[in-house]
Every structure is written in C-alpha cells, then in structure tokens.
Amino acid sequence: MPRLVVKCTWGVEREETLIQAFTVAATAAASGIDVSMWLTGEASLFALPGTEDVKLPHAAPLSELREAVMAGGTLTLCTQCAQRRDIAADDLIEGVRIAGAATFLEESLAPDATVLVY
C-alpha cells in the first residue's frame, strides 16, 4: 500500500500553506492511503486542544481536516519542536504522538513512501 508522509512547517503566518498541507493529508486519508502527517515549526501548535480554528474561503476548516487526518492516519508532533515550545505529551490532542527525526526518516525512506513538505 502506498504511504504519504506530509510535513507541515507553517502556522497562521501562512494560513493557505497550512490548510493546503492538511487538505492533501485529509484527502489522502479519506481515499484509503496510509497517511502520516508531521507538525513542525509553527504548525506544532495545531497538535494542541483548543487551537484556534483556521478557516479560509473555499476550504474546509482546519479542525475538520485535522479530524480527517487522525481518523485515517497518524498525526505526529516533532520532538524538538515540542520541547522548544514546552509542549508535553499530556498537552496534546488525544491520539497525537511525539516522535523525532529517526522516526521521520524511517517513514520517509520506506520504499513505498511519497513525502510532501509544506
């Protein structure tokens, strides 16, 4: 089965890029593709409950896209990004994991993986 790894590095400072990353990951998950989405940099904040929802014209709200990703795939917060923001595992939305570069590389270098970075 093909696997899609999506890494999102942008937050509300680039809302369109943020939503595009989540839209691609959610669409892939809904299509039955094995999806692993990674939140890094300012996108890290969207692993937290109560995150302000991002809404853009002609796009699903980020909260709905995030739910779709988690329903059909994996949502991961970068270890270093979490540490820099004093985010602990107990702070996260239920089902989000924290993992580091070794796990990202393992997923990204798998023979059937396609990696997209936003």
PDB file of N, CA and C in Angstrom:
ATOM      1  N   MET A   1       0.846  -1.182   0.000  1.00  0.00           N
ATOM      2  CA  MET A   1       0.000   0.000   0.000  1.00  0.00           C
ATOM      3  C   MET A   1       0.886   1.237   0.000  1.00  0.00           C
ATOM      4  N   PRO A   2       0.575   2.223  -0.841  1.00  0.00           N
ATOM      5  CA  PRO A   2       1.380   3.456  -0.832  1.00  0.00           C
ATOM      6  C   PRO A   2       1.202   4.206   0.475  1.00  0.00           C
ATOM      7  N   ARG A   3       2.219   4.961   0.822  1.00  0.00           N
ATOM      8  CA  ARG A   3       2.194   5.749   2.053  1.00  0.00           C
ATOM      9  C   ARG A   3       2.535   7.191   1.703  1.00  0.00           C
ATOM     10  N   LEU A   4       1.799   8.110   2.281  1.00  0.00           N
ATOM     11  CA  LEU A   4       2.059   9.529   2.088  1.00  0.00           C
ATOM     12  C   LEU A   4       2.503  10.119   3.413  1.00  0.00           C
ATOM     13  N   VAL A   5       3.654  10.764   3.399  1.00  0.00           N
ATOM     14  CA  VAL A   5       4.169  11.470   4.571  1.00  0.00           C
ATOM     15  C   VAL A   5       4.100  12.964   4.245  1.00  0.00           C
ATOM     16  N   VAL A   6       3.360  13.705   5.051  1.00  0.00           N
ATOM     17  CA  VAL A   6       3.192  15.151   4.842  1.00  0.00           C
ATOM     18  C   VAL A   6       3.800  15.863   6.035  1.00  0.00           C
ATOM     19  N   LYS A   7       4.722  16.768   5.760  1.00  0.00           N
ATOM     20  CA  LYS A   7       5.347  17.562   6.819  1.00  0.00           C
ATOM     21  C   LYS A   7       4.908  19.008   6.646  1.00  0.00           C
ATOM     22  N   CYS A   8       4.312  19.564   7.684  1.00  0.00           N
ATOM     23  CA  CYS A   8       3.843  20.942   7.650  1.00  0.00           C
ATOM     24  C   CYS A   8       4.657  21.772   8.633  1.00  0.00           C
ATOM     25  N   THR A   9       5.240  22.849   8.139  1.00  0.00           N
ATOM     26  CA  THR A   9       6.104  23.694   8.961  1.00  0.00           C
ATOM     27  C   THR A   9       5.502  25.055   9.265  1.00  0.00           C
ATOM     28  N   TRP A  10       4.359  25.377   8.653  1.00  0.00           N
ATOM     29  CA  TRP A  10       3.791  26.718   8.764  1.00  0.00           C
ATOM     30  C   TRP A  10       2.547  26.732   9.635  1.00  0.00           C
ATOM     31  N   GLY A  11       2.346  27.850  10.306  1.00  0.00           N
ATOM     32  CA  GLY A  11       1.153  28.071  11.121  1.00  0.00           C
ATOM     33  C   GLY A  11       0.306  29.173  10.515  1.00  0.00           C
ATOM     34  N   VAL A  12      -0.316  29.967  11.362  1.00  0.00           N
ATOM     35  CA  VAL A  12      -1.222  31.005  10.892  1.00  0.00           C
ATOM     36  C   VAL A  12      -0.519  32.125  10.129  1.00  0.00           C
ATOM     37  N   GLU A  13       0.800  32.193  10.216  1.00  0.00           N
ATOM     38  CA  GLU A  13       1.515  33.211   9.445  1.00  0.00           C
ATOM     39  C   GLU A  13       1.463  32.905   7.942  1.00  0.00           C
ATOM     40  N   ARG A  14       1.157  31.659   7.597  1.00  0.00           N
ATOM     41  CA  ARG A  14       0.929  31.256   6.196  1.00  0.00           C
ATOM     42  C   ARG A  14      -0.258  30.303   6.176  1.00  0.00           C
ATOM     43  N   GLU A  15      -1.429  30.860   6.440  1.00  0.00           N
ATOM     44  CA  GLU A  15      -2.648  30.061   6.578  1.00  0.00           C
ATOM     45  C   GLU A  15      -2.931  29.184   5.364  1.00  0.00           C
ATOM     46  N   GLU A  16      -2.709  29.725   4.187  1.00  0.00           N
ATOM     47  CA  GLU A  16      -3.026  28.973   2.974  1.00  0.00           C
ATOM     48  C   GLU A  16      -2.137  27.730   2.843  1.00  0.00           C
ATOM     49  N   THR A  17      -0.873  27.861   3.190  1.00  0.00           N
ATOM     50  CA  THR A  17       0.030  26.715   3.154  1.00  0.00           C
ATOM     51  C   THR A  17      -0.365  25.684   4.208  1.00  0.00           C
ATOM     52  N   LEU A  18      -0.702  26.149   5.387  1.00  0.00           N
ATOM     53  CA  LEU A  18      -1.150  25.279   6.472  1.00  0.00           C
ATOM     54  C   LEU A  18      -2.375  24.474   6.044  1.00  0.00           C
ATOM     55  N   ILE A  19      -3.382  25.159   5.521  1.00  0.00           N
ATOM     56  CA  ILE A  19      -4.612  24.488   5.095  1.00  0.00           C
ATOM     57  C   ILE A  19      -4.348  23.544   3.933  1.00  0.00           C
ATOM     58  N   GLN A  20      -3.471  23.935   3.018  1.00  0.00           N
ATOM     59  CA  GLN A  20      -3.172  23.072   1.877  1.00  0.00           C
ATOM     60  C   GLN A  20      -2.550  21.752   2.348  1.00  0.00           C
ATOM     61  N   ALA A  21      -1.630  21.814   3.290  1.00  0.00           N
ATOM     62  CA  ALA A  21      -1.000  20.597   3.810  1.00  0.00           C
ATOM     63  C   ALA A  21      -2.036  19.676   4.445  1.00  0.00           C
ATOM     64  N   PHE A  22      -2.904  20.246   5.281  1.00  0.00           N
ATOM     65  CA  PHE A  22      -3.944  19.443   5.925  1.00  0.00           C
ATOM     66  C   PHE A  22      -4.959  18.917   4.909  1.00  0.00           C
ATOM     67  N   THR A  23      -5.279  19.704   3.889  1.00  0.00           N
ATOM     68  CA  THR A  23      -6.231  19.260   2.866  1.00  0.00           C
ATOM     69  C   THR A  23      -5.691  18.059   2.103  1.00  0.00           C
ATOM     70  N   VAL A  24      -4.438  18.114   1.705  1.00  0.00           N
ATOM     71  CA  VAL A  24      -3.828  16.998   0.979  1.00  0.00           C
ATOM     72  C   VAL A  24      -3.791  15.747   1.861  1.00  0.00           C
ATOM     73  N   ALA A  25      -3.370  15.905   3.109  1.00  0.00           N
ATOM     74  CA  ALA A  25      -3.296  14.755   4.017  1.00  0.00           C
ATOM     75  C   ALA A  25      -4.676  14.174   4.291  1.00  0.00           C
ATOM     76  N   ALA A  26      -5.669  15.034   4.525  1.00  0.00           N
ATOM     77  CA  ALA A  26      -7.026  14.562   4.809  1.00  0.00           C
ATOM     78  C   ALA A  26      -7.630  13.873   3.592  1.00  0.00           C
ATOM     79  N   THR A  27      -7.399  14.407   2.411  1.00  0.00           N
ATOM     80  CA  THR A  27      -7.919  13.796   1.187  1.00  0.00           C
ATOM     81  C   THR A  27      -7.295  12.427   0.963  1.00  0.00           C
ATOM     82  N   ALA A  28      -6.008  12.333   1.187  1.00  0.00           N
ATOM     83  CA  ALA A  28      -5.332  11.038   1.040  1.00  0.00           C
ATOM     84  C   ALA A  28      -5.879  10.024   2.044  1.00  0.00           C
ATOM     85  N   ALA A  29      -6.044  10.448   3.289  1.00  0.00           N
ATOM     86  CA  ALA A  29      -6.573   9.542   4.315  1.00  0.00           C
ATOM     87  C   ALA A  29      -7.974   9.075   3.958  1.00  0.00           C
ATOM     88  N   ALA A  30      -8.806   9.998   3.467  1.00  0.00           N
ATOM     89  CA  ALA A  30     -10.178   9.647   3.089  1.00  0.00           C
ATOM     90  C   ALA A  30     -10.205   8.715   1.875  1.00  0.00           C
ATOM     91  N   SER A  31      -9.136   8.734   1.096  1.00  0.00           N
ATOM     92  CA  SER A  31      -9.028   7.874  -0.090  1.00  0.00           C
ATOM     93  C   SER A  31      -8.452   6.501   0.238  1.00  0.00           C
ATOM     94  N   GLY A  32      -8.144   6.280   1.518  1.00  0.00           N
ATOM     95  CA  GLY A  32      -7.619   4.985   1.928  1.00  0.00           C
ATOM     96  C   GLY A  32      -6.107   4.863   1.861  1.00  0.00           C
ATOM     97  N   ILE A  33      -5.426   5.963   1.593  1.00  0.00           N
ATOM     98  CA  ILE A  33      -3.964   5.953   1.566  1.00  0.00           C
ATOM     99  C   ILE A  33      -3.452   6.037   3.004  1.00  0.00           C
ATOM    100  N   ASP A  34      -2.394   5.316   3.292  1.00  0.00           N
ATOM    101  CA  ASP A  34      -1.764   5.345   4.608  1.00  0.00           C
ATOM    102  C   ASP A  34      -1.054   6.693   4.754  1.00  0.00           C
ATOM    103  N   VAL A  35      -1.540   7.547   5.661  1.00  0.00           N
ATOM    104  CA  VAL A  35      -1.034   8.911   5.799  1.00  0.00           C
ATOM    105  C   VAL A  35      -0.362   9.104   7.151  1.00  0.00           C
ATOM    106  N   SER A  36       0.786   9.754   7.101  1.00  0.00           N
ATOM    107  CA  SER A  36       1.474  10.187   8.307  1.00  0.00           C
ATOM    108  C   SER A  36       1.741  11.673   8.149  1.00  0.00           C
ATOM    109  N   MET A  37       1.131  12.476   9.007  1.00  0.00           N
ATOM    110  CA  MET A  37       1.320  13.925   8.938  1.00  0.00           C
ATOM    111  C   MET A  37       2.160  14.378  10.111  1.00  0.00           C
ATOM    112  N   TRP A  38       3.172  15.190   9.805  1.00  0.00           N
ATOM    113  CA  TRP A  38       4.094  15.696  10.810  1.00  0.00           C
ATOM    114  C   TRP A  38       3.910  17.201  10.967  1.00  0.00           C
ATOM    115  N   LEU A  39       3.804  17.636  12.214  1.00  0.00           N
ATOM    116  CA  LEU A  39       3.699  19.054  12.526  1.00  0.00           C
ATOM    117  C   LEU A  39       5.022  19.523  13.111  1.00  0.00           C
ATOM    118  N   THR A  40       5.611  20.511  12.444  1.00  0.00           N
ATOM    119  CA  THR A  40       6.894  21.061  12.884  1.00  0.00           C
ATOM    120  C   THR A  40       6.798  22.578  12.873  1.00  0.00           C
ATOM    121  N   GLY A  41       7.784  23.228  13.454  1.00  0.00           N
ATOM    122  CA  GLY A  41       7.791  24.691  13.465  1.00  0.00           C
ATOM    123  C   GLY A  41       6.495  25.235  14.046  1.00  0.00           C
ATOM    124  N   GLU A  42       5.971  26.272  13.419  1.00  0.00           N
ATOM    125  CA  GLU A  42       4.760  26.910  13.930  1.00  0.00           C
ATOM    126  C   GLU A  42       3.512  26.043  13.775  1.00  0.00           C
ATOM    127  N   ALA A  43       3.556  25.046  12.911  1.00  0.00           N
ATOM    128  CA  ALA A  43       2.425  24.118  12.795  1.00  0.00           C
ATOM    129  C   ALA A  43       2.278  23.267  14.052  1.00  0.00           C
ATOM    130  N   SER A  44       3.306  23.223  14.877  1.00  0.00           N
ATOM    131  CA  SER A  44       3.281  22.436  16.118  1.00  0.00           C
ATOM    132  C   SER A  44       2.087  22.769  16.995  1.00  0.00           C
ATOM    133  N   LEU A  45       1.666  24.012  16.983  1.00  0.00           N
ATOM    134  CA  LEU A  45       0.581  24.453  17.861  1.00  0.00           C
ATOM    135  C   LEU A  45      -0.740  23.762  17.527  1.00  0.00           C
ATOM    136  N   PHE A  46      -0.867  23.224  16.319  1.00  0.00           N
ATOM    137  CA  PHE A  46      -2.118  22.575  15.921  1.00  0.00           C
ATOM    138  C   PHE A  46      -2.205  21.127  16.391  1.00  0.00           C
ATOM    139  N   ALA A  47      -1.277  20.723  17.248  1.00  0.00           N
ATOM    140  CA  ALA A  47      -1.359  19.440  17.939  1.00  0.00           C
ATOM    141  C   ALA A  47      -2.012  19.616  19.313  1.00  0.00           C
ATOM    142  N   LEU A  48      -2.346  20.859  19.648  1.00  0.00           N
ATOM    143  CA  LEU A  48      -2.906  21.173  20.962  1.00  0.00           C
ATOM    144  C   LEU A  48      -4.421  21.346  20.906  1.00  0.00           C
ATOM    145  N   PRO A  49      -5.120  20.892  21.951  1.00  0.00           N
ATOM    146  CA  PRO A  49      -6.567  21.155  22.003  1.00  0.00           C
ATOM    147  C   PRO A  49      -6.814  22.648  22.188  1.00  0.00           C
ATOM    148  N   GLY A  50      -7.968  23.090  21.721  1.00  0.00           N
ATOM    149  CA  GLY A  50      -8.331  24.483  21.883  1.00  0.00           C
ATOM    150  C   GLY A  50      -7.611  25.409  20.933  1.00  0.00           C
ATOM    151  N   THR A  51      -6.891  24.835  19.974  1.00  0.00           N
ATOM    152  CA  THR A  51      -6.211  25.661  18.987  1.00  0.00           C
ATOM    153  C   THR A  51      -7.261  26.425  18.192  1.00  0.00           C
ATOM    154  N   GLU A  52      -7.018  27.689  18.001  1.00  0.00           N
ATOM    155  CA  GLU A  52      -7.951  28.487  17.215  1.00  0.00           C
ATOM    156  C   GLU A  52      -8.118  27.854  15.835  1.00  0.00           C
ATOM    157  N   ASP A  53      -9.360  27.710  15.410  1.00  0.00           N
ATOM    158  CA  ASP A  53      -9.621  27.103  14.115  1.00  0.00           C
ATOM    159  C   ASP A  53      -9.208  28.069  13.009  1.00  0.00           C
ATOM    160  N   VAL A  54      -8.658  27.524  11.945  1.00  0.00           N
ATOM    161  CA  VAL A  54      -8.270  28.311  10.787  1.00  0.00           C
ATOM    162  C   VAL A  54      -9.290  28.042   9.697  1.00  0.00           C
ATOM    163  N   LYS A  55      -9.843  29.112   9.152  1.00  0.00           N
ATOM    164  CA  LYS A  55     -10.851  28.988   8.100  1.00  0.00           C
ATOM    165  C   LYS A  55     -10.466  29.898   6.946  1.00  0.00           C
ATOM    166  N   LEU A  56     -10.492  29.327   5.754  1.00  0.00           N
ATOM    167  CA  LEU A  56     -10.222  30.084   4.536  1.00  0.00           C
ATOM    168  C   LEU A  56     -11.380  29.882   3.569  1.00  0.00           C
ATOM    169  N   PRO A  57     -11.657  30.871   2.745  1.00  0.00           N
ATOM    170  CA  PRO A  57     -12.708  30.677   1.749  1.00  0.00           C
ATOM    171  C   PRO A  57     -12.399  29.471   0.855  1.00  0.00           C
ATOM    172  N   HIS A  58     -13.426  28.716   0.543  1.00  0.00           N
ATOM    173  CA  HIS A  58     -13.344  27.575  -0.372  1.00  0.00           C
ATOM    174  C   HIS A  58     -12.509  26.418   0.171  1.00  0.00           C
ATOM    175  N   ALA A  59     -12.346  26.344   1.469  1.00  0.00           N
ATOM    176  CA  ALA A  59     -11.594  25.252   2.096  1.00  0.00           C
ATOM    177  C   ALA A  59     -12.321  24.807   3.359  1.00  0.00           C
ATOM    178  N   ALA A  60     -12.174  23.535   3.681  1.00  0.00           N
ATOM    179  CA  ALA A  60     -12.728  23.032   4.944  1.00  0.00           C
ATOM    180  C   ALA A  60     -11.953  23.648   6.103  1.00  0.00           C
ATOM    181  N   PRO A  61     -12.605  23.842   7.255  1.00  0.00           N
ATOM    182  CA  PRO A  61     -11.896  24.359   8.433  1.00  0.00           C
ATOM    183  C   PRO A  61     -10.791  23.396   8.867  1.00  0.00           C
ATOM    184  N   LEU A  62      -9.724  23.950   9.389  1.00  0.00           N
ATOM    185  CA  LEU A  62      -8.593  23.123   9.812  1.00  0.00           C
ATOM    186  C   LEU A  62      -9.018  22.052  10.812  1.00  0.00           C
ATOM    187  N   SER A  63      -9.913  22.378  11.727  1.00  0.00           N
ATOM    188  CA  SER A  63     -10.337  21.394  12.734  1.00  0.00           C
ATOM    189  C   SER A  63     -10.936  20.153  12.074  1.00  0.00           C
ATOM    190  N   GLU A  64     -11.716  20.338  11.021  1.00  0.00           N
ATOM    191  CA  GLU A  64     -12.304  19.192  10.308  1.00  0.00           C
ATOM    192  C   GLU A  64     -11.232  18.408   9.550  1.00  0.00           C
ATOM    193  N   LEU A  65     -10.306  19.120   8.945  1.00  0.00           N
ATOM    194  CA  LEU A  65      -9.228  18.450   8.218  1.00  0.00           C
ATOM    195  C   LEU A  65      -8.354  17.636   9.173  1.00  0.00           C
ATOM    196  N   ARG A  66      -8.062  18.224  10.338  1.00  0.00           N
ATOM    197  CA  ARG A  66      -7.245  17.519  11.338  1.00  0.00           C
ATOM    198  C   ARG A  66      -7.952  16.248  11.807  1.00  0.00           C
ATOM    199  N   GLU A  67      -9.263  16.336  12.037  1.00  0.00           N
ATOM    200  CA  GLU A  67     -10.030  15.146  12.432  1.00  0.00           C
ATOM    201  C   GLU A  67      -9.967  14.068  11.355  1.00  0.00           C
ATOM    202  N   ALA A  68     -10.055  14.469  10.102  1.00  0.00           N
ATOM    203  CA  ALA A  68      -9.998  13.502   8.995  1.00  0.00           C
ATOM    204  C   ALA A  68      -8.630  12.837   8.911  1.00  0.00           C
ATOM    205  N   VAL A  69      -7.589  13.607   9.117  1.00  0.00           N
ATOM    206  CA  VAL A  69      -6.234  13.027   9.112  1.00  0.00           C
ATOM    207  C   VAL A  69      -6.122  12.000  10.229  1.00  0.00           C
ATOM    208  N   MET A  70      -6.576  12.361  11.417  1.00  0.00           N
ATOM    209  CA  MET A  70      -6.440  11.466  12.562  1.00  0.00           C
ATOM    210  C   MET A  70      -7.343  10.239  12.450  1.00  0.00           C
ATOM    211  N   ALA A  71      -8.470  10.381  11.763  1.00  0.00           N
ATOM    212  CA  ALA A  71      -9.378   9.243  11.599  1.00  0.00           C
ATOM    213  C   ALA A  71      -8.782   8.193  10.664  1.00  0.00           C
ATOM    214  N   GLY A  72      -7.972   8.629   9.701  1.00  0.00           N
ATOM    215  CA  GLY A  72      -7.448   7.686   8.725  1.00  0.00           C
ATOM    216  C   GLY A  72      -5.942   7.605   8.668  1.00  0.00           C
ATOM    217  N   GLY A  73      -5.263   8.258   9.605  1.00  0.00           N
ATOM    218  CA  GLY A  73      -3.799   8.260   9.558  1.00  0.00           C
ATOM    219  C   GLY A  73      -3.198   8.594  10.903  1.00  0.00           C
ATOM    220  N   THR A  74      -1.970   9.050  10.854  1.00  0.00           N
ATOM    221  CA  THR A  74      -1.213   9.373  12.060  1.00  0.00           C
ATOM    222  C   THR A  74      -0.849  10.852  12.049  1.00  0.00           C
ATOM    223  N   LEU A  75      -0.994  11.511  13.195  1.00  0.00           N
ATOM    224  CA  LEU A  75      -0.583  12.901  13.343  1.00  0.00           C
ATOM    225  C   LEU A  75       0.523  12.943  14.387  1.00  0.00           C
ATOM    226  N   THR A  76       1.670  13.487  13.979  1.00  0.00           N
ATOM    227  CA  THR A  76       2.859  13.470  14.828  1.00  0.00           C
ATOM    228  C   THR A  76       3.390  14.879  15.033  1.00  0.00           C
ATOM    229  N   LEU A  77       3.772  15.172  16.258  1.00  0.00           N
ATOM    230  CA  LEU A  77       4.445  16.418  16.601  1.00  0.00           C
ATOM    231  C   LEU A  77       5.932  16.125  16.749  1.00  0.00           C
ATOM    232  N   CYS A  78       6.737  16.931  16.109  1.00  0.00           N
ATOM    233  CA  CYS A  78       8.195  16.798  16.169  1.00  0.00           C
ATOM    234  C   CYS A  78       8.689  16.962  17.617  1.00  0.00           C
ATOM    235  N   THR A  79       9.562  16.069  18.033  1.00  0.00           N
ATOM    236  CA  THR A  79      10.099  16.090  19.396  1.00  0.00           C
ATOM    237  C   THR A  79      10.767  17.417  19.729  1.00  0.00           C
ATOM    238  N   GLN A  80      11.692  17.867  18.887  1.00  0.00           N
ATOM    239  CA  GLN A  80      12.413  19.109  19.169  1.00  0.00           C
ATOM    240  C   GLN A  80      11.469  20.308  19.163  1.00  0.00           C
ATOM    241  N   CYS A  81      10.515  20.300  18.245  1.00  0.00           N
ATOM    242  CA  CYS A  81       9.550  21.415  18.170  1.00  0.00           C
ATOM    243  C   CYS A  81       8.705  21.468  19.433  1.00  0.00           C
ATOM    244  N   ALA A  82       8.308  20.307  19.933  1.00  0.00           N
ATOM    245  CA  ALA A  82       7.535  20.240  21.174  1.00  0.00           C
ATOM    246  C   ALA A  82       8.369  20.764  22.340  1.00  0.00           C
ATOM    247  N   GLN A  83       9.613  20.326  22.429  1.00  0.00           N
ATOM    248  CA  GLN A  83      10.475  20.751  23.525  1.00  0.00           C
ATOM    249  C   GLN A  83      10.727  22.254  23.498  1.00  0.00           C
ATOM    250  N   ARG A  84      10.938  22.822  22.312  1.00  0.00           N
ATOM    251  CA  ARG A  84      11.179  24.265  22.210  1.00  0.00           C
ATOM    252  C   ARG A  84       9.979  25.083  22.649  1.00  0.00           C
ATOM    253  N   ARG A  85       8.801  24.477  22.573  1.00  0.00           N
ATOM    254  CA  ARG A  85       7.566  25.184  22.939  1.00  0.00           C
ATOM    255  C   ARG A  85       7.011  24.712  24.288  1.00  0.00           C
ATOM    256  N   ASP A  86       7.808  23.930  25.016  1.00  0.00           N
ATOM    257  CA  ASP A  86       7.396  23.393  26.318  1.00  0.00           C
ATOM    258  C   ASP A  86       6.079  22.633  26.231  1.00  0.00           C
ATOM    259  N   ILE A  87       5.915  21.855  25.147  1.00  0.00           N
ATOM    260  CA  ILE A  87       4.725  21.029  24.964  1.00  0.00           C
ATOM    261  C   ILE A  87       5.071  19.600  25.386  1.00  0.00           C
ATOM    262  N   ALA A  88       4.271  19.050  26.273  1.00  0.00           N
ATOM    263  CA  ALA A  88       4.458  17.670  26.733  1.00  0.00           C
ATOM    264  C   ALA A  88       3.359  16.790  26.128  1.00  0.00           C
ATOM    265  N   ALA A  89       3.569  15.497  26.183  1.00  0.00           N
ATOM    266  CA  ALA A  89       2.599  14.545  25.627  1.00  0.00           C
ATOM    267  C   ALA A  89       1.216  14.732  26.235  1.00  0.00           C
ATOM    268  N   ASP A  90       1.155  15.062  27.513  1.00  0.00           N
ATOM    269  CA  ASP A  90      -0.135  15.267  28.184  1.00  0.00           C
ATOM    270  C   ASP A  90      -0.883  16.498  27.686  1.00  0.00           C
ATOM    271  N   ASP A  91      -0.188  17.397  26.999  1.00  0.00           N
ATOM    272  CA  ASP A  91      -0.801  18.623  26.489  1.00  0.00           C
ATOM    273  C   ASP A  91      -1.530  18.408  25.160  1.00  0.00           C
ATOM    274  N   LEU A  92      -1.246  17.313  24.486  1.00  0.00           N
ATOM    275  CA  LEU A  92      -1.685  17.113  23.109  1.00  0.00           C
ATOM    276  C   LEU A  92      -3.131  16.652  22.972  1.00  0.00           C
ATOM    277  N   ILE A  93      -3.678  16.882  21.795  1.00  0.00           N
ATOM    278  CA  ILE A  93      -4.966  16.298  21.433  1.00  0.00           C
ATOM    279  C   ILE A  93      -4.811  14.786  21.527  1.00  0.00           C
ATOM    280  N   GLU A  94      -5.809  14.120  22.059  1.00  0.00           N
ATOM    281  CA  GLU A  94      -5.754  12.666  22.181  1.00  0.00           C
ATOM    282  C   GLU A  94      -5.505  12.039  20.812  1.00  0.00           C
ATOM    283  N   GLY A  95      -4.515  11.161  20.757  1.00  0.00           N
ATOM    284  CA  GLY A  95      -4.192  10.471  19.514  1.00  0.00           C
ATOM    285  C   GLY A  95      -2.983  11.028  18.787  1.00  0.00           C
ATOM    286  N   VAL A  96      -2.546  12.237  19.147  1.00  0.00           N
ATOM    287  CA  VAL A  96      -1.340  12.808  18.550  1.00  0.00           C
ATOM    288  C   VAL A  96      -0.133  12.223  19.273  1.00  0.00           C
ATOM    289  N   ARG A  97       0.885  11.887  18.525  1.00  0.00           N
ATOM    290  CA  ARG A  97       2.106  11.352  19.142  1.00  0.00           C
ATOM    291  C   ARG A  97       3.247  12.346  18.969  1.00  0.00           C
ATOM    292  N   ILE A  98       4.264  12.195  19.781  1.00  0.00           N
ATOM    293  CA  ILE A  98       5.507  12.955  19.643  1.00  0.00           C
ATOM    294  C   ILE A  98       6.569  11.970  19.188  1.00  0.00           C
ATOM    295  N   ALA A  99       7.297  12.333  18.140  1.00  0.00           N
ATOM    296  CA  ALA A  99       8.383  11.492  17.634  1.00  0.00           C
ATOM    297  C   ALA A  99       9.429  12.386  16.982  1.00  0.00           C
ATOM    298  N   GLY A 100      10.613  11.828  16.797  1.00  0.00           N
ATOM    299  CA  GLY A 100      11.729  12.614  16.300  1.00  0.00           C
ATOM    300  C   GLY A 100      12.209  12.254  14.909  1.00  0.00           C
ATOM    301  N   ALA A 101      13.383  12.761  14.608  1.00  0.00           N
ATOM    302  CA  ALA A 101      13.962  12.648  13.274  1.00  0.00           C
ATOM    303  C   ALA A 101      14.136  11.202  12.822  1.00  0.00           C
ATOM    304  N   ALA A 102      14.508  10.315  13.722  1.00  0.00           N
ATOM    305  CA  ALA A 102      14.713   8.915  13.327  1.00  0.00           C
ATOM    306  C   ALA A 102      13.414   8.307  12.797  1.00  0.00           C
ATOM    307  N   THR A 103      12.306   8.599  13.460  1.00  0.00           N
ATOM    308  CA  THR A 103      11.010   8.078  13.014  1.00  0.00           C
ATOM    309  C   THR A 103      10.600   8.722  11.695  1.00  0.00           C
ATOM    310  N   PHE A 104      10.825  10.039  11.576  1.00  0.00           N
ATOM    311  CA  PHE A 104      10.503  10.722  10.320  1.00  0.00           C
ATOM    312  C   PHE A 104      11.302  10.115   9.165  1.00  0.00           C
ATOM    313  N   LEU A 105      12.572   9.881   9.366  1.00  0.00           N
ATOM    314  CA  LEU A 105      13.405   9.287   8.321  1.00  0.00           C
ATOM    315  C   LEU A 105      12.957   7.870   7.982  1.00  0.00           C
ATOM    316  N   GLU A 106      12.636   7.092   8.986  1.00  0.00           N
ATOM    317  CA  GLU A 106      12.165   5.732   8.750  1.00  0.00           C
ATOM    318  C   GLU A 106      10.918   5.733   7.866  1.00  0.00           C
ATOM    319  N   GLU A 107       9.972   6.599   8.189  1.00  0.00           N
ATOM    320  CA  GLU A 107       8.738   6.684   7.401  1.00  0.00           C
ATOM    321  C   GLU A 107       9.011   7.235   6.002  1.00  0.00           C
ATOM    322  N   SER A 108       9.841   8.263   5.922  1.00  0.00           N
ATOM    323  CA  SER A 108      10.094   8.935   4.654  1.00  0.00           C
ATOM    324  C   SER A 108      10.900   8.100   3.672  1.00  0.00           C
ATOM    325  N   LEU A 109      11.788   7.262   4.188  1.00  0.00           N
ATOM    326  CA  LEU A 109      12.668   6.472   3.324  1.00  0.00           C
ATOM    327  C   LEU A 109      12.119   5.083   3.013  1.00  0.00           C
ATOM    328  N   ALA A 110      10.926   4.786   3.482  1.00  0.00           N
ATOM    329  CA  ALA A 110      10.303   3.490   3.154  1.00  0.00           C
ATOM    330  C   ALA A 110      10.119   3.420   1.646  1.00  0.00           C
ATOM    331  N   PRO A 111      10.267   2.240   1.069  1.00  0.00           N
ATOM    332  CA  PRO A 111      10.217   2.100  -0.394  1.00  0.00           C
ATOM    333  C   PRO A 111       8.918   2.579  -1.032  1.00  0.00           C
ATOM    334  N   ASP A 112       7.808   2.516  -0.328  1.00  0.00           N
ATOM    335  CA  ASP A 112       6.523   2.885  -0.914  1.00  0.00           C
ATOM    336  C   ASP A 112       6.061   4.281  -0.501  1.00  0.00           C
ATOM    337  N   ALA A 113       6.952   5.087   0.081  1.00  0.00           N
ATOM    338  CA  ALA A 113       6.562   6.387   0.620  1.00  0.00           C
ATOM    339  C   ALA A 113       6.774   7.524  -0.373  1.00  0.00           C
ATOM    340  N   THR A 114       5.833   8.461  -0.343  1.00  0.00           N
ATOM    341  CA  THR A 114       5.972   9.740  -1.035  1.00  0.00           C
ATOM    342  C   THR A 114       5.934  10.801   0.059  1.00  0.00           C
ATOM    343  N   VAL A 115       6.850  11.747  -0.003  1.00  0.00           N
ATOM    344  CA  VAL A 115       6.961  12.768   1.025  1.00  0.00           C
ATOM    345  C   VAL A 115       6.670  14.145   0.414  1.00  0.00           C
ATOM    346  N   LEU A 116       5.794  14.892   1.081  1.00  0.00           N
ATOM    347  CA  LEU A 116       5.491  16.269   0.692  1.00  0.00           C
ATOM    348  C   LEU A 116       5.791  17.173   1.873  1.00  0.00           C
ATOM    349  N   VAL A 117       6.477  18.255   1.632  1.00  0.00           N
ATOM    350  CA  VAL A 117       6.813  19.197   2.697  1.00  0.00           C
ATOM    351  C   VAL A 117       6.193  20.549   2.356  1.00  0.00           C
ATOM    352  N   TYR A 118       5.416  21.058   3.299  1.00  0.00           N
ATOM    353  CA  TYR A 118       4.779  22.373   3.129  1.00  0.00           C
ATOM    354  C   TYR A 118       5.348  23.334   4.139  1.00  0.00           C
TER     355      TYR A 118
END
